[in-house]
Amino acid sequence: MIGPPTTLSGTGVDRMGFLQANITRDNTEFVNGATIGDRCIFQMDQGLGIGSKNPFFNRHQLAMTKFINLNKQERYSQATTSCFGPSWPLCWLFRRFAKL
């Protein structure tokens, strides 16, 4: 074998338990064919190695997106709204925080 080992155990096989959770808050809506509102996603990963060295790891990230309508237009009635109609000027802000 050339180079450092790529596994934690001496047998070359690592076993681990893994848990992942996601929480999503979606407060978006379609206004005149454009997405308006905000969306937040929180994700957490936990892992525990099963073996002699018992490694433990975690990771989490928070992603936030805000869709802002730049043109304050009246809402059209449902009969005249089309998903292929004109799109209004839109600004979106995105922020992500993560710890790996």
PDB file of N, CA and C in Angstrom:
ATOM      1  N   MET A   1       0.844  -1.178   0.000  1.00  0.00           N
ATOM      2  CA  MET A   1       0.000   0.000   0.000  1.00  0.00           C
ATOM      3  C   MET A   1       0.892   1.246   0.000  1.00  0.00           C
ATOM      4  N   ILE A   2       0.632   2.160  -0.890  1.00  0.00           N
ATOM      5  CA  ILE A   2       1.378   3.408  -0.979  1.00  0.00           C
ATOM      6  C   ILE A   2       0.476   4.536  -0.501  1.00  0.00           C
ATOM      7  N   GLY A   3       0.962   5.358   0.434  1.00  0.00           N
ATOM      8  CA  GLY A   3       0.189   6.497   0.915  1.00  0.00           C
ATOM      9  C   GLY A   3      -0.527   6.202   2.221  1.00  0.00           C
ATOM     10  N   PRO A   4      -1.187   7.221   2.754  1.00  0.00           N
ATOM     11  CA  PRO A   4      -1.880   7.046   4.035  1.00  0.00           C
ATOM     12  C   PRO A   4      -3.166   6.237   3.860  1.00  0.00           C
ATOM     13  N   PRO A   5      -3.646   5.606   4.934  1.00  0.00           N
ATOM     14  CA  PRO A   5      -4.897   4.838   4.835  1.00  0.00           C
ATOM     15  C   PRO A   5      -6.088   5.768   4.605  1.00  0.00           C
ATOM     16  N   THR A   6      -7.060   5.278   3.884  1.00  0.00           N
ATOM     17  CA  THR A   6      -8.242   6.088   3.560  1.00  0.00           C
ATOM     18  C   THR A   6      -9.441   5.739   4.434  1.00  0.00           C
ATOM     19  N   THR A   7      -9.289   4.803   5.357  1.00  0.00           N
ATOM     20  CA  THR A   7     -10.362   4.451   6.276  1.00  0.00           C
ATOM     21  C   THR A   7      -9.891   4.663   7.711  1.00  0.00           C
ATOM     22  N   LEU A   8     -10.835   4.702   8.647  1.00  0.00           N
ATOM     23  CA  LEU A   8     -10.497   4.882  10.058  1.00  0.00           C
ATOM     24  C   LEU A   8     -10.136   3.568  10.737  1.00  0.00           C
ATOM     25  N   SER A   9     -10.708   2.474  10.270  1.00  0.00           N
ATOM     26  CA  SER A   9     -10.439   1.183  10.895  1.00  0.00           C
ATOM     27  C   SER A   9      -9.248   0.511  10.218  1.00  0.00           C
ATOM     28  N   GLY A  10      -8.680  -0.451  10.902  1.00  0.00           N
ATOM     29  CA  GLY A  10      -7.545  -1.172  10.345  1.00  0.00           C
ATOM     30  C   GLY A  10      -7.935  -2.216   9.320  1.00  0.00           C
ATOM     31  N   THR A  11      -9.216  -2.587   9.260  1.00  0.00           N
ATOM     32  CA  THR A  11      -9.665  -3.617   8.325  1.00  0.00           C
ATOM     33  C   THR A  11      -9.925  -3.063   6.927  1.00  0.00           C
ATOM     34  N   GLY A  12     -10.005  -1.760   6.791  1.00  0.00           N
ATOM     35  CA  GLY A  12     -10.295  -1.156   5.490  1.00  0.00           C
ATOM     36  C   GLY A  12     -11.767  -0.934   5.233  1.00  0.00           C
ATOM     37  N   VAL A  13     -12.635  -1.280   6.203  1.00  0.00           N
ATOM     38  CA  VAL A  13     -14.078  -1.096   6.067  1.00  0.00           C
ATOM     39  C   VAL A  13     -14.557  -0.258   7.248  1.00  0.00           C
ATOM     40  N   ASP A  14     -15.219   0.854   6.973  1.00  0.00           N
ATOM     41  CA  ASP A  14     -15.774   1.701   8.020  1.00  0.00           C
ATOM     42  C   ASP A  14     -17.290   1.534   8.049  1.00  0.00           C
ATOM     43  N   ARG A  15     -17.836   1.430   9.241  1.00  0.00           N
ATOM     44  CA  ARG A  15     -19.292   1.373   9.410  1.00  0.00           C
ATOM     45  C   ARG A  15     -19.700   2.589  10.232  1.00  0.00           C
ATOM     46  N   MET A  16     -20.814   3.195   9.855  1.00  0.00           N
ATOM     47  CA  MET A  16     -21.276   4.359  10.613  1.00  0.00           C
ATOM     48  C   MET A  16     -22.785   4.491  10.533  1.00  0.00           C
ATOM     49  N   GLY A  17     -23.326   5.068  11.605  1.00  0.00           N
ATOM     50  CA  GLY A  17     -24.737   5.424  11.638  1.00  0.00           C
ATOM     51  C   GLY A  17     -24.869   6.891  11.252  1.00  0.00           C
ATOM     52  N   PHE A  18     -25.945   7.227  10.574  1.00  0.00           N
ATOM     53  CA  PHE A  18     -26.088   8.571  10.033  1.00  0.00           C
ATOM     54  C   PHE A  18     -27.521   9.035  10.219  1.00  0.00           C
ATOM     55  N   LEU A  19     -27.695  10.263  10.657  1.00  0.00           N
ATOM     56  CA  LEU A  19     -29.018  10.846  10.860  1.00  0.00           C
ATOM     57  C   LEU A  19     -29.051  12.216  10.198  1.00  0.00           C
ATOM     58  N   GLN A  20     -30.092  12.474   9.433  1.00  0.00           N
ATOM     59  CA  GLN A  20     -30.238  13.760   8.752  1.00  0.00           C
ATOM     60  C   GLN A  20     -31.634  14.296   9.008  1.00  0.00           C
ATOM     61  N   ALA A  21     -31.728  15.611   9.256  1.00  0.00           N
ATOM     62  CA  ALA A  21     -33.019  16.260   9.473  1.00  0.00           C
ATOM     63  C   ALA A  21     -33.070  17.555   8.678  1.00  0.00           C
ATOM     64  N   ASN A  22     -34.212  17.844   8.095  1.00  0.00           N
ATOM     65  CA  ASN A  22     -34.437  19.083   7.348  1.00  0.00           C
ATOM     66  C   ASN A  22     -35.709  19.738   7.866  1.00  0.00           C
ATOM     67  N   ILE A  23     -35.640  21.036   8.055  1.00  0.00           N
ATOM     68  CA  ILE A  23     -36.820  21.827   8.397  1.00  0.00           C
ATOM     69  C   ILE A  23     -36.929  22.928   7.355  1.00  0.00           C
ATOM     70  N   THR A  24     -38.059  23.003   6.685  1.00  0.00           N
ATOM     71  CA  THR A  24     -38.263  23.988   5.626  1.00  0.00           C
ATOM     72  C   THR A  24     -39.458  24.861   5.964  1.00  0.00           C
ATOM     73  N   ARG A  25     -39.268  26.158   5.863  1.00  0.00           N
ATOM     74  CA  ARG A  25     -40.360  27.130   6.016  1.00  0.00           C
ATOM     75  C   ARG A  25     -40.485  27.847   4.677  1.00  0.00           C
ATOM     76  N   ASP A  26     -41.558  27.597   3.982  1.00  0.00           N
ATOM     77  CA  ASP A  26     -41.758  28.169   2.653  1.00  0.00           C
ATOM     78  C   ASP A  26     -42.970  29.089   2.692  1.00  0.00           C
ATOM     79  N   ASN A  27     -42.741  30.382   2.564  1.00  0.00           N
ATOM     80  CA  ASN A  27     -43.799  31.378   2.616  1.00  0.00           C
ATOM     81  C   ASN A  27     -43.861  32.124   1.275  1.00  0.00           C
ATOM     82  N   THR A  28     -43.726  31.373   0.176  1.00  0.00           N
ATOM     83  CA  THR A  28     -43.749  31.994  -1.149  1.00  0.00           C
ATOM     84  C   THR A  28     -45.127  31.817  -1.770  1.00  0.00           C
ATOM     85  N   GLU A  29     -45.431  32.714  -2.700  1.00  0.00           N
ATOM     86  CA  GLU A  29     -46.671  32.648  -3.462  1.00  0.00           C
ATOM     87  C   GLU A  29     -46.405  33.206  -4.852  1.00  0.00           C
ATOM     88  N   PHE A  30     -47.261  32.862  -5.784  1.00  0.00           N
ATOM     89  CA  PHE A  30     -47.154  33.386  -7.137  1.00  0.00           C
ATOM     90  C   PHE A  30     -48.049  34.606  -7.263  1.00  0.00           C
ATOM     91  N   VAL A  31     -47.450  35.737  -7.666  1.00  0.00           N
ATOM     92  CA  VAL A  31     -48.187  36.975  -7.890  1.00  0.00           C
ATOM     93  C   VAL A  31     -47.895  37.407  -9.319  1.00  0.00           C
ATOM     94  N   ASN A  32     -48.904  37.392 -10.165  1.00  0.00           N
ATOM     95  CA  ASN A  32     -48.780  37.777 -11.574  1.00  0.00           C
ATOM     96  C   ASN A  32     -47.671  37.003 -12.277  1.00  0.00           C
ATOM     97  N   GLY A  33     -47.527  35.730 -11.966  1.00  0.00           N
ATOM     98  CA  GLY A  33     -46.547  34.887 -12.636  1.00  0.00           C
ATOM     99  C   GLY A  33     -45.153  34.930 -12.028  1.00  0.00           C
ATOM    100  N   ALA A  34     -44.931  35.658 -10.944  1.00  0.00           N
ATOM    101  CA  ALA A  34     -43.619  35.744 -10.301  1.00  0.00           C
ATOM    102  C   ALA A  34     -43.707  35.199  -8.874  1.00  0.00           C
ATOM    103  N   THR A  35     -42.621  34.599  -8.415  1.00  0.00           N
ATOM    104  CA  THR A  35     -42.570  34.081  -7.053  1.00  0.00           C
ATOM    105  C   THR A  35     -42.212  35.205  -6.100  1.00  0.00           C
ATOM    106  N   ILE A  36     -43.028  35.417  -5.079  1.00  0.00           N
ATOM    107  CA  ILE A  36     -42.825  36.476  -4.085  1.00  0.00           C
ATOM    108  C   ILE A  36     -42.870  35.835  -2.694  1.00  0.00           C
ATOM    109  N   GLY A  37     -42.040  36.304  -1.786  1.00  0.00           N
ATOM    110  CA  GLY A  37     -42.064  35.810  -0.410  1.00  0.00           C
ATOM    111  C   GLY A  37     -40.684  35.387   0.053  1.00  0.00           C
ATOM    112  N   ASP A  38     -40.632  34.527   1.062  1.00  0.00           N
ATOM    113  CA  ASP A  38     -39.349  34.078   1.575  1.00  0.00           C
ATOM    114  C   ASP A  38     -39.394  32.589   1.884  1.00  0.00           C
ATOM    115  N   ARG A  39     -38.191  31.991   1.892  1.00  0.00           N
ATOM    116  CA  ARG A  39     -38.042  30.557   2.116  1.00  0.00           C
ATOM    117  C   ARG A  39     -36.811  30.343   2.977  1.00  0.00           C
ATOM    118  N   CYS A  40     -36.947  29.544   4.033  1.00  0.00           N
ATOM    119  CA  CYS A  40     -35.829  29.221   4.936  1.00  0.00           C
ATOM    120  C   CYS A  40     -35.703  27.702   5.022  1.00  0.00           C
ATOM    121  N   ILE A  41     -34.469  27.207   4.937  1.00  0.00           N
ATOM    122  CA  ILE A  41     -34.208  25.776   5.026  1.00  0.00           C
ATOM    123  C   ILE A  41     -33.090  25.553   6.036  1.00  0.00           C
ATOM    124  N   PHE A  42     -33.341  24.708   7.025  1.00  0.00           N
ATOM    125  CA  PHE A  42     -32.330  24.332   8.009  1.00  0.00           C
ATOM    126  C   PHE A  42     -32.075  22.845   7.861  1.00  0.00           C
ATOM    127  N   GLN A  43     -30.795  22.467   7.715  1.00  0.00           N
ATOM    128  CA  GLN A  43     -30.430  21.074   7.535  1.00  0.00           C
ATOM    129  C   GLN A  43     -29.368  20.706   8.556  1.00  0.00           C
ATOM    130  N   MET A  44     -29.530  19.537   9.184  1.00  0.00           N
ATOM    131  CA  MET A  44     -28.569  19.076  10.169  1.00  0.00           C
ATOM    132  C   MET A  44     -28.234  17.619   9.881  1.00  0.00           C
ATOM    133  N   ASP A  45     -26.952  17.284   9.907  1.00  0.00           N
ATOM    134  CA  ASP A  45     -26.475  15.925   9.706  1.00  0.00           C
ATOM    135  C   ASP A  45     -25.640  15.517  10.915  1.00  0.00           C
ATOM    136  N   GLN A  46     -25.891  14.323  11.432  1.00  0.00           N
ATOM    137  CA  GLN A  46     -25.115  13.765  12.535  1.00  0.00           C
ATOM    138  C   GLN A  46     -24.643  12.385  12.113  1.00  0.00           C
ATOM    139  N   GLY A  47     -23.421  12.063  12.476  1.00  0.00           N
ATOM    140  CA  GLY A  47     -22.901  10.747  12.154  1.00  0.00           C
ATOM    141  C   GLY A  47     -22.064  10.202  13.290  1.00  0.00           C
ATOM    142  N   LEU A  48     -22.103   8.881  13.457  1.00  0.00           N
ATOM    143  CA  LEU A  48     -21.327   8.221  14.494  1.00  0.00           C
ATOM    144  C   LEU A  48     -20.727   6.963  13.889  1.00  0.00           C
ATOM    145  N   GLY A  49     -19.413   6.902  13.919  1.00  0.00           N
ATOM    146  CA  GLY A  49     -18.734   5.720  13.411  1.00  0.00           C
ATOM    147  C   GLY A  49     -18.868   4.562  14.380  1.00  0.00           C
ATOM    148  N   ILE A  50     -19.043   3.358  13.853  1.00  0.00           N
ATOM    149  CA  ILE A  50     -19.147   2.157  14.670  1.00  0.00           C
ATOM    150  C   ILE A  50     -17.847   1.389  14.477  1.00  0.00           C
ATOM    151  N   GLY A  51     -17.060   1.300  15.490  1.00  0.00           N
ATOM    152  CA  GLY A  51     -15.786   0.617  15.390  1.00  0.00           C
ATOM    153  C   GLY A  51     -14.901   0.980  16.557  1.00  0.00           C
ATOM    154  N   SER A  52     -13.610   0.765  16.384  1.00  0.00           N
ATOM    155  CA  SER A  52     -12.684   0.962  17.499  1.00  0.00           C
ATOM    156  C   SER A  52     -12.418   2.432  17.809  1.00  0.00           C
ATOM    157  N   LYS A  53     -12.428   3.295  16.827  1.00  0.00           N
ATOM    158  CA  LYS A  53     -12.089   4.704  17.070  1.00  0.00           C
ATOM    159  C   LYS A  53     -13.311   5.581  17.309  1.00  0.00           C
ATOM    160  N   ASN A  54     -14.505   5.104  16.989  1.00  0.00           N
ATOM    161  CA  ASN A  54     -15.774   5.810  17.219  1.00  0.00           C
ATOM    162  C   ASN A  54     -15.738   7.284  16.825  1.00  0.00           C
ATOM    163  N   PRO A  55     -15.548   7.602  15.554  1.00  0.00           N
ATOM    164  CA  PRO A  55     -15.571   9.015  15.154  1.00  0.00           C
ATOM    165  C   PRO A  55     -16.982   9.580  15.222  1.00  0.00           C
ATOM    166  N   PHE A  56     -17.075  10.845  15.532  1.00  0.00           N
ATOM    167  CA  PHE A  56     -18.342  11.553  15.617  1.00  0.00           C
ATOM    168  C   PHE A  56     -18.223  12.800  14.762  1.00  0.00           C
ATOM    169  N   PHE A  57     -19.212  13.071  13.925  1.00  0.00           N
ATOM    170  CA  PHE A  57     -19.177  14.286  13.118  1.00  0.00           C
ATOM    171  C   PHE A  57     -20.564  14.885  13.045  1.00  0.00           C
ATOM    172  N   ASN A  58     -20.604  16.171  12.790  1.00  0.00           N
ATOM    173  CA  ASN A  58     -21.878  16.851  12.563  1.00  0.00           C
ATOM    174  C   ASN A  58     -21.672  17.959  11.548  1.00  0.00           C
ATOM    175  N   ARG A  59     -22.748  18.318  10.915  1.00  0.00           N
ATOM    176  CA  ARG A  59     -22.745  19.384   9.916  1.00  0.00           C
ATOM    177  C   ARG A  59     -24.117  20.026   9.940  1.00  0.00           C
ATOM    178  N   HIS A  60     -24.171  21.333   9.803  1.00  0.00           N
ATOM    179  CA  HIS A  60     -25.460  22.003   9.703  1.00  0.00           C
ATOM    180  C   HIS A  60     -25.336  23.187   8.765  1.00  0.00           C
ATOM    181  N   GLN A  61     -26.445  23.508   8.142  1.00  0.00           N
ATOM    182  CA  GLN A  61     -26.480  24.679   7.266  1.00  0.00           C
ATOM    183  C   GLN A  61     -27.852  25.316   7.312  1.00  0.00           C
ATOM    184  N   LEU A  62     -27.865  26.617   7.132  1.00  0.00           N
ATOM    185  CA  LEU A  62     -29.083  27.407   7.096  1.00  0.00           C
ATOM    186  C   LEU A  62     -29.057  28.219   5.807  1.00  0.00           C
ATOM    187  N   ALA A  63     -30.083  28.075   4.991  1.00  0.00           N
ATOM    188  CA  ALA A  63     -30.182  28.812   3.728  1.00  0.00           C
ATOM    189  C   ALA A  63     -31.464  29.638   3.762  1.00  0.00           C
ATOM    190  N   MET A  64     -31.344  30.921   3.430  1.00  0.00           N
ATOM    191  CA  MET A  64     -32.491  31.823   3.427  1.00  0.00           C
ATOM    192  C   MET A  64     -32.566  32.525   2.072  1.00  0.00           C
ATOM    193  N   THR A  65     -33.744  32.579   1.506  1.00  0.00           N
ATOM    194  CA  THR A  65     -33.970  33.252   0.231  1.00  0.00           C
ATOM    195  C   THR A  65     -35.173  34.173   0.377  1.00  0.00           C
ATOM    196  N   LYS A  66     -35.050  35.384  -0.134  1.00  0.00           N
ATOM    197  CA  LYS A  66     -36.158  36.350  -0.101  1.00  0.00           C
ATOM    198  C   LYS A  66     -36.380  36.854  -1.521  1.00  0.00           C
ATOM    199  N   PHE A  67     -37.603  36.730  -2.014  1.00  0.00           N
ATOM    200  CA  PHE A  67     -37.995  37.205  -3.333  1.00  0.00           C
ATOM    201  C   PHE A  67     -38.781  38.502  -3.145  1.00  0.00           C
ATOM    202  N   ILE A  68     -38.283  39.596  -3.709  1.00  0.00           N
ATOM    203  CA  ILE A  68     -38.899  40.910  -3.526  1.00  0.00           C
ATOM    204  C   ILE A  68     -39.400  41.410  -4.876  1.00  0.00           C
ATOM    205  N   ASN A  69     -40.670  41.791  -4.922  1.00  0.00           N
ATOM    206  CA  ASN A  69     -41.253  42.353  -6.133  1.00  0.00           C
ATOM    207  C   ASN A  69     -40.842  43.820  -6.238  1.00  0.00           C
ATOM    208  N   LEU A  70     -40.173  44.204  -7.311  1.00  0.00           N
ATOM    209  CA  LEU A  70     -39.714  45.585  -7.473  1.00  0.00           C
ATOM    210  C   LEU A  70     -40.762  46.488  -8.108  1.00  0.00           C
ATOM    211  N   ASN A  71     -41.792  45.915  -8.652  1.00  0.00           N
ATOM    212  CA  ASN A  71     -42.829  46.666  -9.326  1.00  0.00           C
ATOM    213  C   ASN A  71     -44.147  46.376  -8.626  1.00  0.00           C
ATOM    214  N   LYS A  72     -44.648  47.298  -7.853  1.00  0.00           N
ATOM    215  CA  LYS A  72     -45.875  47.090  -7.083  1.00  0.00           C
ATOM    216  C   LYS A  72     -47.083  47.128  -8.013  1.00  0.00           C
ATOM    217  N   GLN A  73     -47.430  45.989  -8.557  1.00  0.00           N
ATOM    218  CA  GLN A  73     -48.549  45.866  -9.479  1.00  0.00           C
ATOM    219  C   GLN A  73     -49.756  45.292  -8.755  1.00  0.00           C
ATOM    220  N   GLU A  74     -50.915  45.604  -9.277  1.00  0.00           N
ATOM    221  CA  GLU A  74     -52.145  45.013  -8.765  1.00  0.00           C
ATOM    222  C   GLU A  74     -52.158  43.536  -9.160  1.00  0.00           C
ATOM    223  N   ARG A  75     -52.768  42.739  -8.323  1.00  0.00           N
ATOM    224  CA  ARG A  75     -52.919  41.328  -8.663  1.00  0.00           C
ATOM    225  C   ARG A  75     -53.997  41.190  -9.727  1.00  0.00           C
ATOM    226  N   TYR A  76     -53.717  40.374 -10.724  1.00  0.00           N
ATOM    227  CA  TYR A  76     -54.716  40.085 -11.744  1.00  0.00           C
ATOM    228  C   TYR A  76     -55.695  39.063 -11.203  1.00  0.00           C
ATOM    229  N   SER A  77     -56.859  39.035 -11.809  1.00  0.00           N
ATOM    230  CA  SER A  77     -57.819  38.009 -11.409  1.00  0.00           C
ATOM    231  C   SER A  77     -57.323  36.652 -11.892  1.00  0.00           C
ATOM    232  N   GLN A  78     -57.862  35.612 -11.324  1.00  0.00           N
ATOM    233  CA  GLN A  78     -57.424  34.262 -11.653  1.00  0.00           C
ATOM    234  C   GLN A  78     -57.680  33.949 -13.122  1.00  0.00           C
ATOM    235  N   ALA A  79     -58.714  34.526 -13.715  1.00  0.00           N
ATOM    236  CA  ALA A  79     -59.054  34.227 -15.110  1.00  0.00           C
ATOM    237  C   ALA A  79     -58.027  34.804 -16.083  1.00  0.00           C
ATOM    238  N   THR A  80     -57.368  35.935 -15.742  1.00  0.00           N
ATOM    239  CA  THR A  80     -56.432  36.559 -16.670  1.00  0.00           C
ATOM    240  C   THR A  80     -54.979  36.226 -16.353  1.00  0.00           C
ATOM    241  N   THR A  81     -54.699  35.508 -15.268  1.00  0.00           N
ATOM    242  CA  THR A  81     -53.330  35.174 -14.915  1.00  0.00           C
ATOM    243  C   THR A  81     -52.889  33.947 -15.691  1.00  0.00           C
ATOM    244  N   SER A  82     -51.732  34.031 -16.282  1.00  0.00           N
ATOM    245  CA  SER A  82     -51.175  32.912 -17.025  1.00  0.00           C
ATOM    246  C   SER A  82     -49.750  32.664 -16.559  1.00  0.00           C
ATOM    247  N   CYS A  83     -49.364  31.405 -16.462  1.00  0.00           N
ATOM    248  CA  CYS A  83     -47.989  31.102 -16.037  1.00  0.00           C
ATOM    249  C   CYS A  83     -46.993  31.471 -17.134  1.00  0.00           C
ATOM    250  N   PHE A  84     -47.437  31.702 -18.364  1.00  0.00           N
ATOM    251  CA  PHE A  84     -46.546  32.093 -19.448  1.00  0.00           C
ATOM    252  C   PHE A  84     -46.613  33.591 -19.742  1.00  0.00           C
ATOM    253  N   GLY A  85     -47.287  34.345 -18.892  1.00  0.00           N
ATOM    254  CA  GLY A  85     -47.429  35.786 -19.085  1.00  0.00           C
ATOM    255  C   GLY A  85     -46.143  36.524 -18.774  1.00  0.00           C
ATOM    256  N   PRO A  86     -46.176  37.861 -18.836  1.00  0.00           N
ATOM    257  CA  PRO A  86     -44.973  38.643 -18.571  1.00  0.00           C
ATOM    258  C   PRO A  86     -44.536  38.524 -17.117  1.00  0.00           C
ATOM    259  N   SER A  87     -43.242  38.513 -16.909  1.00  0.00           N
ATOM    260  CA  SER A  87     -42.697  38.441 -15.561  1.00  0.00           C
ATOM    261  C   SER A  87     -42.327  39.840 -15.105  1.00  0.00           C
ATOM    262  N   TRP A  88     -42.623  40.179 -13.858  1.00  0.00           N
ATOM    263  CA  TRP A  88     -42.348  41.500 -13.329  1.00  0.00           C
ATOM    264  C   TRP A  88     -40.926  41.571 -12.784  1.00  0.00           C
ATOM    265  N   PRO A  89     -40.353  42.781 -12.722  1.00  0.00           N
ATOM    266  CA  PRO A  89     -39.005  42.910 -12.154  1.00  0.00           C
ATOM    267  C   PRO A  89     -38.966  42.351 -10.730  1.00  0.00           C
ATOM    268  N   LEU A  90     -37.960  41.548 -10.457  1.00  0.00           N
ATOM    269  CA  LEU A  90     -37.874  40.836  -9.199  1.00  0.00           C
ATOM    270  C   LEU A  90     -36.445  40.875  -8.689  1.00  0.00           C
ATOM    271  N   CYS A  91     -36.293  41.081  -7.402  1.00  0.00           N
ATOM    272  CA  CYS A  91     -34.982  41.035  -6.757  1.00  0.00           C
ATOM    273  C   CYS A  91     -35.007  39.868  -5.782  1.00  0.00           C
ATOM    274  N   TRP A  92     -33.967  39.030  -5.800  1.00  0.00           N
ATOM    275  CA  TRP A  92     -33.929  37.956  -4.820  1.00  0.00           C
ATOM    276  C   TRP A  92     -32.624  38.032  -4.047  1.00  0.00           C
ATOM    277  N   LEU A  93     -32.731  37.818  -2.758  1.00  0.00           N
ATOM    278  CA  LEU A  93     -31.587  37.825  -1.854  1.00  0.00           C
ATOM    279  C   LEU A  93     -31.401  36.411  -1.314  1.00  0.00           C
ATOM    280  N   PHE A  94     -30.163  35.959  -1.292  1.00  0.00           N
ATOM    281  CA  PHE A  94     -29.881  34.606  -0.829  1.00  0.00           C
ATOM    282  C   PHE A  94     -28.723  34.652   0.148  1.00  0.00           C
ATOM    283  N   ARG A  95     -28.848  33.919   1.234  1.00  0.00           N
ATOM    284  CA  ARG A  95     -27.789  33.872   2.254  1.00  0.00           C
ATOM    285  C   ARG A  95     -27.674  32.435   2.755  1.00  0.00           C
ATOM    286  N   ARG A  96     -26.450  31.945   2.886  1.00  0.00           N
ATOM    287  CA  ARG A  96     -26.223  30.596   3.394  1.00  0.00           C
ATOM    288  C   ARG A  96     -25.163  30.633   4.483  1.00  0.00           C
ATOM    289  N   PHE A  97     -25.441  29.959   5.576  1.00  0.00           N
ATOM    290  CA  PHE A  97     -24.487  29.783   6.652  1.00  0.00           C
ATOM    291  C   PHE A  97     -24.308  28.284   6.847  1.00  0.00           C
ATOM    292  N   ALA A  98     -23.068  27.840   6.903  1.00  0.00           N
ATOM    293  CA  ALA A  98     -22.817  26.406   7.061  1.00  0.00           C
ATOM    294  C   ALA A  98     -21.613  26.157   7.938  1.00  0.00           C
ATOM    295  N   LYS A  99     -21.687  25.090   8.695  1.00  0.00           N
ATOM    296  CA  LYS A  99     -20.552  24.614   9.471  1.00  0.00           C
ATOM    297  C   LYS A  99     -20.362  23.152   9.083  1.00  0.00           C
ATOM    298  N   LEU A 100     -19.225  22.884   8.482  1.00  0.00           N
ATOM    299  CA  LEU A 100     -18.943  21.514   8.042  1.00  0.00           C
ATOM    300  C   LEU A 100     -18.020  20.828   8.991  1.00  0.00           C
TER     301      LEU A 100
END
